[in-house]
Amino acid sequence: GTITSVSSNKIFVDSGRSEGEGHFNNGLLTWTAGDNAQLKMEVKYYSAGSKQFELHHAMPYPVQIGDTYQVYRGCDKALSTCRNAFNNVVNFRGEPHLPGIDQVTQFGGR
């Protein structure tokens, strides 16, 4: 992607994106050109409407219009995301079928 508008070193827009709301949440962005080239940062939020990225932390060097990057989709650690987005349930390492804490702490059959 290529930056088309900058609000700060952690919030910017790429008007060429077409992915859905939250598609890159928790993903990884790697700068390929610009002052931050070769640096990486996790994506906090991606807004499909405004095509805006918000990173977890500000980049150390100025983000500028024309800077380029690669971004990979993130994972929210939910079984449904693992199944539907990545087709990778076999490697899912969560425990989606455990009862809630209220059931775990009950005594006997109560």
PDB file of N, CA and C in Angstrom:
ATOM      1  N   GLY A   1       0.809  -1.180   0.000  1.00  0.00           N
ATOM      2  CA  GLY A   1       0.000   0.000   0.000  1.00  0.00           C
ATOM      3  C   GLY A   1       0.859   1.253   0.000  1.00  0.00           C
ATOM      4  N   THR A   2       0.209   2.383  -0.238  1.00  0.00           N
ATOM      5  CA  THR A   2       0.885   3.681  -0.273  1.00  0.00           C
ATOM      6  C   THR A   2       0.075   4.691   0.534  1.00  0.00           C
ATOM      7  N   ILE A   3       0.739   5.443   1.392  1.00  0.00           N
ATOM      8  CA  ILE A   3       0.089   6.434   2.242  1.00  0.00           C
ATOM      9  C   ILE A   3      -0.395   7.607   1.388  1.00  0.00           C
ATOM     10  N   THR A   4      -1.678   7.985   1.582  1.00  0.00           N
ATOM     11  CA  THR A   4      -2.236   9.110   0.824  1.00  0.00           C
ATOM     12  C   THR A   4      -2.565  10.306   1.706  1.00  0.00           C
ATOM     13  N   SER A   5      -2.621  10.099   3.033  1.00  0.00           N
ATOM     14  CA  SER A   5      -2.901  11.183   3.969  1.00  0.00           C
ATOM     15  C   SER A   5      -2.348  10.791   5.332  1.00  0.00           C
ATOM     16  N   VAL A   6      -1.839  11.777   6.071  1.00  0.00           N
ATOM     17  CA  VAL A   6      -1.235  11.496   7.377  1.00  0.00           C
ATOM     18  C   VAL A   6      -1.829  12.408   8.444  1.00  0.00           C
ATOM     19  N   SER A   7      -2.260  11.816   9.562  1.00  0.00           N
ATOM     20  CA  SER A   7      -2.731  12.583  10.713  1.00  0.00           C
ATOM     21  C   SER A   7      -1.644  12.679  11.780  1.00  0.00           C
ATOM     22  N   SER A   8      -0.889  11.582  11.950  1.00  0.00           N
ATOM     23  CA  SER A   8       0.186  11.545  12.934  1.00  0.00           C
ATOM     24  C   SER A   8       1.106  10.377  12.599  1.00  0.00           C
ATOM     25  N   ASN A   9       2.080  10.122  13.447  1.00  0.00           N
ATOM     26  CA  ASN A   9       3.000   9.000  13.214  1.00  0.00           C
ATOM     27  C   ASN A   9       2.369   7.652  13.537  1.00  0.00           C
ATOM     28  N   LYS A  10       1.112   7.663  13.955  1.00  0.00           N
ATOM     29  CA  LYS A  10       0.416   6.398  14.185  1.00  0.00           C
ATOM     30  C   LYS A  10      -0.947   6.314  13.514  1.00  0.00           C
ATOM     31  N   ILE A  11      -1.414   7.397  12.882  1.00  0.00           N
ATOM     32  CA  ILE A  11      -2.707   7.391  12.186  1.00  0.00           C
ATOM     33  C   ILE A  11      -2.511   7.954  10.777  1.00  0.00           C
ATOM     34  N   PHE A  12      -2.923   7.162   9.786  1.00  0.00           N
ATOM     35  CA  PHE A  12      -2.753   7.578   8.396  1.00  0.00           C
ATOM     36  C   PHE A  12      -3.779   6.876   7.525  1.00  0.00           C
ATOM     37  N   VAL A  13      -3.896   7.323   6.282  1.00  0.00           N
ATOM     38  CA  VAL A  13      -4.893   6.807   5.340  1.00  0.00           C
ATOM     39  C   VAL A  13      -4.208   6.288   4.079  1.00  0.00           C
ATOM     40  N   ASP A  14      -4.750   5.190   3.563  1.00  0.00           N
ATOM     41  CA  ASP A  14      -4.387   4.680   2.239  1.00  0.00           C
ATOM     42  C   ASP A  14      -5.694   4.549   1.473  1.00  0.00           C
ATOM     43  N   SER A  15      -6.000   5.517   0.634  1.00  0.00           N
ATOM     44  CA  SER A  15      -7.291   5.549  -0.063  1.00  0.00           C
ATOM     45  C   SER A  15      -7.435   4.440  -1.102  1.00  0.00           C
ATOM     46  N   GLY A  16      -6.397   3.685  -1.364  1.00  0.00           N
ATOM     47  CA  GLY A  16      -6.466   2.589  -2.330  1.00  0.00           C
ATOM     48  C   GLY A  16      -6.932   1.268  -1.741  1.00  0.00           C
ATOM     49  N   ARG A  17      -7.169   1.191  -0.432  1.00  0.00           N
ATOM     50  CA  ARG A  17      -7.567  -0.061   0.215  1.00  0.00           C
ATOM     51  C   ARG A  17      -9.036  -0.355  -0.069  1.00  0.00           C
ATOM     52  N   SER A  18      -9.393  -1.651  -0.115  1.00  0.00           N
ATOM     53  CA  SER A  18     -10.789  -2.026  -0.343  1.00  0.00           C
ATOM     54  C   SER A  18     -11.281  -3.099   0.623  1.00  0.00           C
ATOM     55  N   GLU A  19     -10.479  -3.444   1.616  1.00  0.00           N
ATOM     56  CA  GLU A  19     -10.861  -4.486   2.564  1.00  0.00           C
ATOM     57  C   GLU A  19     -11.955  -3.993   3.499  1.00  0.00           C
ATOM     58  N   GLY A  20     -12.621  -4.943   4.148  1.00  0.00           N
ATOM     59  CA  GLY A  20     -13.733  -4.623   5.039  1.00  0.00           C
ATOM     60  C   GLY A  20     -13.296  -4.068   6.390  1.00  0.00           C
ATOM     61  N   GLU A  21     -14.278  -3.601   7.132  1.00  0.00           N
ATOM     62  CA  GLU A  21     -14.064  -3.012   8.457  1.00  0.00           C
ATOM     63  C   GLU A  21     -13.296  -3.970   9.367  1.00  0.00           C
ATOM     64  N   GLY A  22     -12.240  -3.475   9.977  1.00  0.00           N
ATOM     65  CA  GLY A  22     -11.467  -4.255  10.933  1.00  0.00           C
ATOM     66  C   GLY A  22     -10.601  -5.347  10.343  1.00  0.00           C
ATOM     67  N   HIS A  23     -10.509  -5.417   9.028  1.00  0.00           N
ATOM     68  CA  HIS A  23      -9.774  -6.497   8.369  1.00  0.00           C
ATOM     69  C   HIS A  23      -8.332  -6.622   8.858  1.00  0.00           C
ATOM     70  N   PHE A  24      -7.689  -5.513   9.125  1.00  0.00           N
ATOM     71  CA  PHE A  24      -6.278  -5.554   9.533  1.00  0.00           C
ATOM     72  C   PHE A  24      -6.079  -5.379  11.043  1.00  0.00           C
ATOM     73  N   ASN A  25      -7.165  -5.344  11.821  1.00  0.00           N
ATOM     74  CA  ASN A  25      -7.026  -5.219  13.272  1.00  0.00           C
ATOM     75  C   ASN A  25      -6.101  -6.312  13.788  1.00  0.00           C
ATOM     76  N   ASN A  26      -5.151  -5.958  14.638  1.00  0.00           N
ATOM     77  CA  ASN A  26      -4.170  -6.877  15.216  1.00  0.00           C
ATOM     78  C   ASN A  26      -3.202  -7.458  14.187  1.00  0.00           C
ATOM     79  N   GLY A  27      -3.171  -6.876  13.002  1.00  0.00           N
ATOM     80  CA  GLY A  27      -2.247  -7.325  11.967  1.00  0.00           C
ATOM     81  C   GLY A  27      -0.873  -6.691  12.128  1.00  0.00           C
ATOM     82  N   LEU A  28      -0.003  -6.994  11.191  1.00  0.00           N
ATOM     83  CA  LEU A  28       1.364  -6.472  11.238  1.00  0.00           C
ATOM     84  C   LEU A  28       1.647  -5.660   9.985  1.00  0.00           C
ATOM     85  N   LEU A  29       2.111  -4.431  10.185  1.00  0.00           N
ATOM     86  CA  LEU A  29       2.454  -3.538   9.084  1.00  0.00           C
ATOM     87  C   LEU A  29       3.975  -3.386   9.043  1.00  0.00           C
ATOM     88  N   THR A  30       4.561  -3.594   7.870  1.00  0.00           N
ATOM     89  CA  THR A  30       6.004  -3.443   7.664  1.00  0.00           C
ATOM     90  C   THR A  30       6.230  -2.349   6.638  1.00  0.00           C
ATOM     91  N   TRP A  31       7.003  -1.348   6.989  1.00  0.00           N
ATOM     92  CA  TRP A  31       7.304  -0.240   6.076  1.00  0.00           C
ATOM     93  C   TRP A  31       8.325  -0.706   5.045  1.00  0.00           C
ATOM     94  N   THR A  32       8.041  -0.434   3.766  1.00  0.00           N
ATOM     95  CA  THR A  32       8.947  -0.843   2.690  1.00  0.00           C
ATOM     96  C   THR A  32       9.694   0.333   2.074  1.00  0.00           C
ATOM     97  N   ALA A  33       9.226   1.556   2.310  1.00  0.00           N
ATOM     98  CA  ALA A  33       9.922   2.758   1.824  1.00  0.00           C
ATOM     99  C   ALA A  33       9.555   3.931   2.718  1.00  0.00           C
ATOM    100  N   GLY A  34      10.459   4.879   2.834  1.00  0.00           N
ATOM    101  CA  GLY A  34      10.255   6.037   3.689  1.00  0.00           C
ATOM    102  C   GLY A  34      11.213   5.985   4.863  1.00  0.00           C
ATOM    103  N   ASP A  35      11.113   6.940   5.758  1.00  0.00           N
ATOM    104  CA  ASP A  35      12.019   7.024   6.908  1.00  0.00           C
ATOM    105  C   ASP A  35      11.922   5.817   7.835  1.00  0.00           C
ATOM    106  N   ASN A  36      10.788   5.131   7.839  1.00  0.00           N
ATOM    107  CA  ASN A  36      10.586   3.966   8.712  1.00  0.00           C
ATOM    108  C   ASN A  36      10.823   2.636   8.004  1.00  0.00           C
ATOM    109  N   ALA A  37      11.439   2.655   6.825  1.00  0.00           N
ATOM    110  CA  ALA A  37      11.648   1.441   6.029  1.00  0.00           C
ATOM    111  C   ALA A  37      12.268   0.332   6.876  1.00  0.00           C
ATOM    112  N   GLN A  38      11.712  -0.876   6.729  1.00  0.00           N
ATOM    113  CA  GLN A  38      12.118  -2.104   7.411  1.00  0.00           C
ATOM    114  C   GLN A  38      11.618  -2.196   8.857  1.00  0.00           C
ATOM    115  N   LEU A  39      10.994  -1.149   9.376  1.00  0.00           N
ATOM    116  CA  LEU A  39      10.438  -1.216  10.724  1.00  0.00           C
ATOM    117  C   LEU A  39       9.034  -1.810  10.661  1.00  0.00           C
ATOM    118  N   LYS A  40       8.606  -2.417  11.770  1.00  0.00           N
ATOM    119  CA  LYS A  40       7.297  -3.067  11.835  1.00  0.00           C
ATOM    120  C   LYS A  40       6.512  -2.529  13.022  1.00  0.00           C
ATOM    121  N   MET A  41       5.187  -2.560  12.885  1.00  0.00           N
ATOM    122  CA  MET A  41       4.321  -2.150  13.996  1.00  0.00           C
ATOM    123  C   MET A  41       2.974  -2.864  13.846  1.00  0.00           C
ATOM    124  N   GLU A  42       2.379  -3.205  14.973  1.00  0.00           N
ATOM    125  CA  GLU A  42       1.066  -3.850  14.972  1.00  0.00           C
ATOM    126  C   GLU A  42      -0.027  -2.817  14.706  1.00  0.00           C
ATOM    127  N   VAL A  43      -1.027  -3.252  13.952  1.00  0.00           N
ATOM    128  CA  VAL A  43      -2.171  -2.396  13.626  1.00  0.00           C
ATOM    129  C   VAL A  43      -3.198  -2.529  14.756  1.00  0.00           C
ATOM    130  N   LYS A  44      -3.592  -1.420  15.319  1.00  0.00           N
ATOM    131  CA  LYS A  44      -4.611  -1.416  16.366  1.00  0.00           C
ATOM    132  C   LYS A  44      -6.001  -1.503  15.753  1.00  0.00           C
ATOM    133  N   TYR A  45      -6.229  -0.689  14.706  1.00  0.00           N
ATOM    134  CA  TYR A  45      -7.561  -0.625  14.113  1.00  0.00           C
ATOM    135  C   TYR A  45      -7.469  -0.194  12.652  1.00  0.00           C
ATOM    136  N   TYR A  46      -8.325  -0.793  11.825  1.00  0.00           N
ATOM    137  CA  TYR A  46      -8.448  -0.387  10.426  1.00  0.00           C
ATOM    138  C   TYR A  46      -9.907  -0.039  10.161  1.00  0.00           C
ATOM    139  N   SER A  47     -10.159   1.164   9.665  1.00  0.00           N
ATOM    140  CA  SER A  47     -11.504   1.622   9.344  1.00  0.00           C
ATOM    141  C   SER A  47     -11.730   1.550   7.839  1.00  0.00           C
ATOM    142  N   ALA A  48     -12.683   0.721   7.414  1.00  0.00           N
ATOM    143  CA  ALA A  48     -12.952   0.566   5.984  1.00  0.00           C
ATOM    144  C   ALA A  48     -13.557   1.827   5.382  1.00  0.00           C
ATOM    145  N   GLY A  49     -14.415   2.516   6.133  1.00  0.00           N
ATOM    146  CA  GLY A  49     -15.076   3.712   5.616  1.00  0.00           C
ATOM    147  C   GLY A  49     -14.102   4.824   5.283  1.00  0.00           C
ATOM    148  N   SER A  50     -13.194   5.089   6.202  1.00  0.00           N
ATOM    149  CA  SER A  50     -12.223   6.168   5.981  1.00  0.00           C
ATOM    150  C   SER A  50     -10.900   5.662   5.427  1.00  0.00           C
ATOM    151  N   LYS A  51     -10.763   4.321   5.353  1.00  0.00           N
ATOM    152  CA  LYS A  51      -9.528   3.673   4.884  1.00  0.00           C
ATOM    153  C   LYS A  51      -8.332   4.105   5.735  1.00  0.00           C
ATOM    154  N   GLN A  52      -8.615   4.269   7.020  1.00  0.00           N
ATOM    155  CA  GLN A  52      -7.619   4.773   7.959  1.00  0.00           C
ATOM    156  C   GLN A  52      -7.047   3.653   8.825  1.00  0.00           C
ATOM    157  N   PHE A  53      -5.751   3.683   9.010  1.00  0.00           N
ATOM    158  CA  PHE A  53      -5.055   2.778   9.907  1.00  0.00           C
ATOM    159  C   PHE A  53      -4.707   3.517  11.186  1.00  0.00           C
ATOM    160  N   GLU A  54      -4.802   2.819  12.304  1.00  0.00           N
ATOM    161  CA  GLU A  54      -4.263   3.329  13.561  1.00  0.00           C
ATOM    162  C   GLU A  54      -3.335   2.251  14.107  1.00  0.00           C
ATOM    163  N   LEU A  55      -2.087   2.616  14.345  1.00  0.00           N
ATOM    164  CA  LEU A  55      -1.108   1.679  14.875  1.00  0.00           C
ATOM    165  C   LEU A  55      -1.155   1.669  16.403  1.00  0.00           C
ATOM    166  N   HIS A  56      -0.649   0.604  17.005  1.00  0.00           N
ATOM    167  CA  HIS A  56      -0.613   0.529  18.471  1.00  0.00           C
ATOM    168  C   HIS A  56       0.298   1.598  19.062  1.00  0.00           C
ATOM    169  N   HIS A  57       1.412   1.875  18.405  1.00  0.00           N
ATOM    170  CA  HIS A  57       2.364   2.880  18.882  1.00  0.00           C
ATOM    171  C   HIS A  57       2.807   3.741  17.704  1.00  0.00           C
ATOM    172  N   ALA A  58       3.183   4.970  17.992  1.00  0.00           N
ATOM    173  CA  ALA A  58       3.668   5.876  16.941  1.00  0.00           C
ATOM    174  C   ALA A  58       5.001   5.371  16.393  1.00  0.00           C
ATOM    175  N   MET A  59       5.201   5.570  15.116  1.00  0.00           N
ATOM    176  CA  MET A  59       6.470   5.217  14.498  1.00  0.00           C
ATOM    177  C   MET A  59       7.538   6.218  14.944  1.00  0.00           C
ATOM    178  N   PRO A  60       8.802   5.799  15.006  1.00  0.00           N
ATOM    179  CA  PRO A  60       9.851   6.701  15.505  1.00  0.00           C
ATOM    180  C   PRO A  60      10.188   7.842  14.551  1.00  0.00           C
ATOM    181  N   TYR A  61       9.944   7.643  13.257  1.00  0.00           N
ATOM    182  CA  TYR A  61      10.257   8.663  12.259  1.00  0.00           C
ATOM    183  C   TYR A  61       8.963   9.115  11.590  1.00  0.00           C
ATOM    184  N   PRO A  62       8.950  10.298  11.009  1.00  0.00           N
ATOM    185  CA  PRO A  62       7.715  10.804  10.397  1.00  0.00           C
ATOM    186  C   PRO A  62       7.154   9.881   9.310  1.00  0.00           C
ATOM    187  N   VAL A  63       5.841   9.658   9.381  1.00  0.00           N
ATOM    188  CA  VAL A  63       5.117   8.956   8.319  1.00  0.00           C
ATOM    189  C   VAL A  63       4.709  10.023   7.322  1.00  0.00           C
ATOM    190  N   GLN A  64       5.017   9.791   6.040  1.00  0.00           N
ATOM    191  CA  GLN A  64       4.771  10.815   5.030  1.00  0.00           C
ATOM    192  C   GLN A  64       3.958  10.273   3.866  1.00  0.00           C
ATOM    193  N   ILE A  65       3.243  11.152   3.203  1.00  0.00           N
ATOM    194  CA  ILE A  65       2.503  10.779   1.994  1.00  0.00           C
ATOM    195  C   ILE A  65       3.488  10.191   1.005  1.00  0.00           C
ATOM    196  N   GLY A  66       3.129   9.047   0.425  1.00  0.00           N
ATOM    197  CA  GLY A  66       3.986   8.361  -0.532  1.00  0.00           C
ATOM    198  C   GLY A  66       4.784   7.223   0.073  1.00  0.00           C
ATOM    199  N   ASP A  67       4.883   7.151   1.413  1.00  0.00           N
ATOM    200  CA  ASP A  67       5.553   6.014   2.053  1.00  0.00           C
ATOM    201  C   ASP A  67       4.803   4.741   1.687  1.00  0.00           C
ATOM    202  N   THR A  68       5.518   3.641   1.531  1.00  0.00           N
ATOM    203  CA  THR A  68       4.883   2.377   1.164  1.00  0.00           C
ATOM    204  C   THR A  68       5.059   1.354   2.286  1.00  0.00           C
ATOM    205  N   TYR A  69       4.180   0.347   2.267  1.00  0.00           N
ATOM    206  CA  TYR A  69       4.157  -0.658   3.331  1.00  0.00           C
ATOM    207  C   TYR A  69       3.531  -1.947   2.824  1.00  0.00           C
ATOM    208  N   GLN A  70       3.736  -3.007   3.596  1.00  0.00           N
ATOM    209  CA  GLN A  70       3.006  -4.258   3.427  1.00  0.00           C
ATOM    210  C   GLN A  70       2.254  -4.473   4.725  1.00  0.00           C
ATOM    211  N   VAL A  71       1.042  -4.977   4.642  1.00  0.00           N
ATOM    212  CA  VAL A  71       0.265  -5.217   5.858  1.00  0.00           C
ATOM    213  C   VAL A  71      -0.385  -6.592   5.755  1.00  0.00           C
ATOM    214  N   TYR A  72      -0.372  -7.300   6.881  1.00  0.00           N
ATOM    215  CA  TYR A  72      -0.951  -8.635   6.946  1.00  0.00           C
ATOM    216  C   TYR A  72      -2.125  -8.625   7.902  1.00  0.00           C
ATOM    217  N   ARG A  73      -3.133  -9.355   7.532  1.00  0.00           N
ATOM    218  CA  ARG A  73      -4.348  -9.443   8.330  1.00  0.00           C
ATOM    219  C   ARG A  73      -4.033  -9.986   9.721  1.00  0.00           C
ATOM    220  N   GLY A  74      -4.724  -9.453  10.707  1.00  0.00           N
ATOM    221  CA  GLY A  74      -4.522  -9.900  12.076  1.00  0.00           C
ATOM    222  C   GLY A  74      -5.517 -10.970  12.474  1.00  0.00           C
ATOM    223  N   CYS A  75      -5.323 -11.487  13.678  1.00  0.00           N
ATOM    224  CA  CYS A  75      -6.184 -12.536  14.207  1.00  0.00           C
ATOM    225  C   CYS A  75      -6.708 -12.104  15.567  1.00  0.00           C
ATOM    226  N   ASP A  76      -8.010 -12.267  15.798  1.00  0.00           N
ATOM    227  CA  ASP A  76      -8.600 -11.912  17.090  1.00  0.00           C
ATOM    228  C   ASP A  76      -8.644 -13.101  18.041  1.00  0.00           C
ATOM    229  N   LYS A  77      -8.020 -14.200  17.655  1.00  0.00           N
ATOM    230  CA  LYS A  77      -7.892 -15.413  18.474  1.00  0.00           C
ATOM    231  C   LYS A  77      -9.221 -16.124  18.711  1.00  0.00           C
ATOM    232  N   ALA A  78     -10.189 -15.910  17.833  1.00  0.00           N
ATOM    233  CA  ALA A  78     -11.484 -16.586  17.937  1.00  0.00           C
ATOM    234  C   ALA A  78     -11.504 -17.791  16.994  1.00  0.00           C
ATOM    235  N   LEU A  79     -12.144 -18.863  17.428  1.00  0.00           N
ATOM    236  CA  LEU A  79     -12.244 -20.063  16.606  1.00  0.00           C
ATOM    237  C   LEU A  79     -12.901 -19.759  15.263  1.00  0.00           C
ATOM    238  N   SER A  80     -13.937 -18.928  15.248  1.00  0.00           N
ATOM    239  CA  SER A  80     -14.633 -18.615  13.998  1.00  0.00           C
ATOM    240  C   SER A  80     -13.707 -17.895  13.009  1.00  0.00           C
ATOM    241  N   THR A  81     -12.840 -17.011  13.501  1.00  0.00           N
ATOM    242  CA  THR A  81     -11.891 -16.322  12.617  1.00  0.00           C
ATOM    243  C   THR A  81     -10.885 -17.316  12.064  1.00  0.00           C
ATOM    244  N   CYS A  82     -10.404 -18.192  12.916  1.00  0.00           N
ATOM    245  CA  CYS A  82      -9.432 -19.199  12.488  1.00  0.00           C
ATOM    246  C   CYS A  82     -10.030 -20.089  11.389  1.00  0.00           C
ATOM    247  N   ARG A  83     -11.302 -20.451  11.560  1.00  0.00           N
ATOM    248  CA  ARG A  83     -11.981 -21.310  10.597  1.00  0.00           C
ATOM    249  C   ARG A  83     -12.341 -20.551   9.311  1.00  0.00           C
ATOM    250  N   ASN A  84     -12.996 -19.395   9.454  1.00  0.00           N
ATOM    251  CA  ASN A  84     -13.545 -18.702   8.292  1.00  0.00           C
ATOM    252  C   ASN A  84     -12.538 -17.860   7.528  1.00  0.00           C
ATOM    253  N   ALA A  85     -11.618 -17.214   8.218  1.00  0.00           N
ATOM    254  CA  ALA A  85     -10.682 -16.311   7.549  1.00  0.00           C
ATOM    255  C   ALA A  85      -9.406 -17.012   7.101  1.00  0.00           C
ATOM    256  N   PHE A  86      -8.937 -17.963   7.916  1.00  0.00           N
ATOM    257  CA  PHE A  86      -7.637 -18.568   7.637  1.00  0.00           C
ATOM    258  C   PHE A  86      -7.692 -20.057   7.302  1.00  0.00           C
ATOM    259  N   ASN A  87      -8.875 -20.685   7.443  1.00  0.00           N
ATOM    260  CA  ASN A  87      -9.024 -22.116   7.185  1.00  0.00           C
ATOM    261  C   ASN A  87      -7.918 -22.897   7.897  1.00  0.00           C
ATOM    262  N   ASN A  88      -7.764 -22.634   9.199  1.00  0.00           N
ATOM    263  CA  ASN A  88      -6.638 -23.182   9.936  1.00  0.00           C
ATOM    264  C   ASN A  88      -7.047 -23.697  11.317  1.00  0.00           C
ATOM    265  N   VAL A  89      -8.214 -24.296  11.432  1.00  0.00           N
ATOM    266  CA  VAL A  89      -8.688 -24.778  12.722  1.00  0.00           C
ATOM    267  C   VAL A  89      -7.763 -25.838  13.294  1.00  0.00           C
ATOM    268  N   VAL A  90      -7.123 -26.613  12.460  1.00  0.00           N
ATOM    269  CA  VAL A  90      -6.240 -27.679  12.945  1.00  0.00           C
ATOM    270  C   VAL A  90      -5.104 -27.120  13.814  1.00  0.00           C
ATOM    271  N   ASN A  91      -4.716 -25.874  13.602  1.00  0.00           N
ATOM    272  CA  ASN A  91      -3.656 -25.256  14.395  1.00  0.00           C
ATOM    273  C   ASN A  91      -4.175 -24.293  15.464  1.00  0.00           C
ATOM    274  N   PHE A  92      -5.489 -24.225  15.631  1.00  0.00           N
ATOM    275  CA  PHE A  92      -6.067 -23.357  16.659  1.00  0.00           C
ATOM    276  C   PHE A  92      -5.684 -23.896  18.027  1.00  0.00           C
ATOM    277  N   ARG A  93      -5.133 -23.039  18.874  1.00  0.00           N
ATOM    278  CA  ARG A  93      -4.634 -23.515  20.167  1.00  0.00           C
ATOM    279  C   ARG A  93      -5.440 -22.982  21.347  1.00  0.00           C
ATOM    280  N   GLY A  94      -6.631 -22.491  21.080  1.00  0.00           N
ATOM    281  CA  GLY A  94      -7.475 -21.979  22.149  1.00  0.00           C
ATOM    282  C   GLY A  94      -8.338 -23.067  22.754  1.00  0.00           C
ATOM    283  N   GLU A  95      -9.155 -22.690  23.699  1.00  0.00           N
ATOM    284  CA  GLU A  95     -10.086 -23.599  24.377  1.00  0.00           C
ATOM    285  C   GLU A  95     -11.493 -23.013  24.270  1.00  0.00           C
ATOM    286  N   PRO A  96     -12.099 -23.044  23.082  1.00  0.00           N
ATOM    287  CA  PRO A  96     -13.373 -22.361  22.873  1.00  0.00           C
ATOM    288  C   PRO A  96     -14.569 -23.019  23.551  1.00  0.00           C
ATOM    289  N   HIS A  97     -14.441 -24.257  24.003  1.00  0.00           N
ATOM    290  CA  HIS A  97     -15.601 -24.964  24.540  1.00  0.00           C
ATOM    291  C   HIS A  97     -15.570 -25.106  26.066  1.00  0.00           C
ATOM    292  N   LEU A  98     -14.645 -24.420  26.732  1.00  0.00           N
ATOM    293  CA  LEU A  98     -14.629 -24.435  28.195  1.00  0.00           C
ATOM    294  C   LEU A  98     -15.785 -23.592  28.711  1.00  0.00           C
ATOM    295  N   PRO A  99     -16.401 -24.017  29.821  1.00  0.00           N
ATOM    296  CA  PRO A  99     -17.487 -23.207  30.384  1.00  0.00           C
ATOM    297  C   PRO A  99     -16.928 -21.906  30.966  1.00  0.00           C
ATOM    298  N   GLY A 100     -17.793 -20.943  31.180  1.00  0.00           N
ATOM    299  CA  GLY A 100     -17.381 -19.665  31.759  1.00  0.00           C
ATOM    300  C   GLY A 100     -16.891 -19.827  33.190  1.00  0.00           C
ATOM    301  N   ILE A 101     -16.229 -18.808  33.724  1.00  0.00           N
ATOM    302  CA  ILE A 101     -15.653 -18.871  35.064  1.00  0.00           C
ATOM    303  C   ILE A 101     -16.695 -19.151  36.139  1.00  0.00           C
ATOM    304  N   ASP A 102     -17.934 -18.689  35.954  1.00  0.00           N
ATOM    305  CA  ASP A 102     -18.980 -18.940  36.943  1.00  0.00           C
ATOM    306  C   ASP A 102     -19.289 -20.426  37.058  1.00  0.00           C
ATOM    307  N   GLN A 103     -19.249 -21.165  35.964  1.00  0.00           N
ATOM    308  CA  GLN A 103     -19.492 -22.607  35.994  1.00  0.00           C
ATOM    309  C   GLN A 103     -18.276 -23.369  36.505  1.00  0.00           C
ATOM    310  N   VAL A 104     -17.099 -22.891  36.214  1.00  0.00           N
ATOM    311  CA  VAL A 104     -15.878 -23.560  36.639  1.00  0.00           C
ATOM    312  C   VAL A 104     -15.740 -23.510  38.157  1.00  0.00           C
ATOM    313  N   THR A 105     -16.190 -22.437  38.806  1.00  0.00           N
ATOM    314  CA  THR A 105     -16.011 -22.273  40.242  1.00  0.00           C
ATOM    315  C   THR A 105     -17.181 -22.794  41.082  1.00  0.00           C
ATOM    316  N   GLN A 106     -18.165 -23.392  40.464  1.00  0.00           N
ATOM    317  CA  GLN A 106     -19.302 -23.948  41.217  1.00  0.00           C
ATOM    318  C   GLN A 106     -18.881 -25.230  41.946  1.00  0.00           C
ATOM    319  N   PHE A 107     -19.565 -25.523  43.048  1.00  0.00           N
ATOM    320  CA  PHE A 107     -19.313 -26.760  43.804  1.00  0.00           C
ATOM    321  C   PHE A 107     -20.305 -27.816  43.382  1.00  0.00           C
ATOM    322  N   GLY A 108     -19.837 -29.030  43.191  1.00  0.00           N
ATOM    323  CA  GLY A 108     -20.700 -30.179  42.933  1.00  0.00           C
ATOM    324  C   GLY A 108     -21.700 -29.959  41.828  1.00  0.00           C
ATOM    325  N   GLY A 109     -22.946 -30.329  42.075  1.00  0.00           N
ATOM    326  CA  GLY A 109     -23.988 -30.221  41.065  1.00  0.00           C
ATOM    327  C   GLY A 109     -24.788 -28.950  41.156  1.00  0.00           C
ATOM    328  N   ARG A 110     -24.334 -28.006  41.971  1.00  0.00           N
ATOM    329  CA  ARG A 110     -25.092 -26.771  42.138  1.00  0.00           C
ATOM    330  C   ARG A 110     -24.884 -25.819  41.015  1.00  0.00           C
TER     331      ARG A 110
END
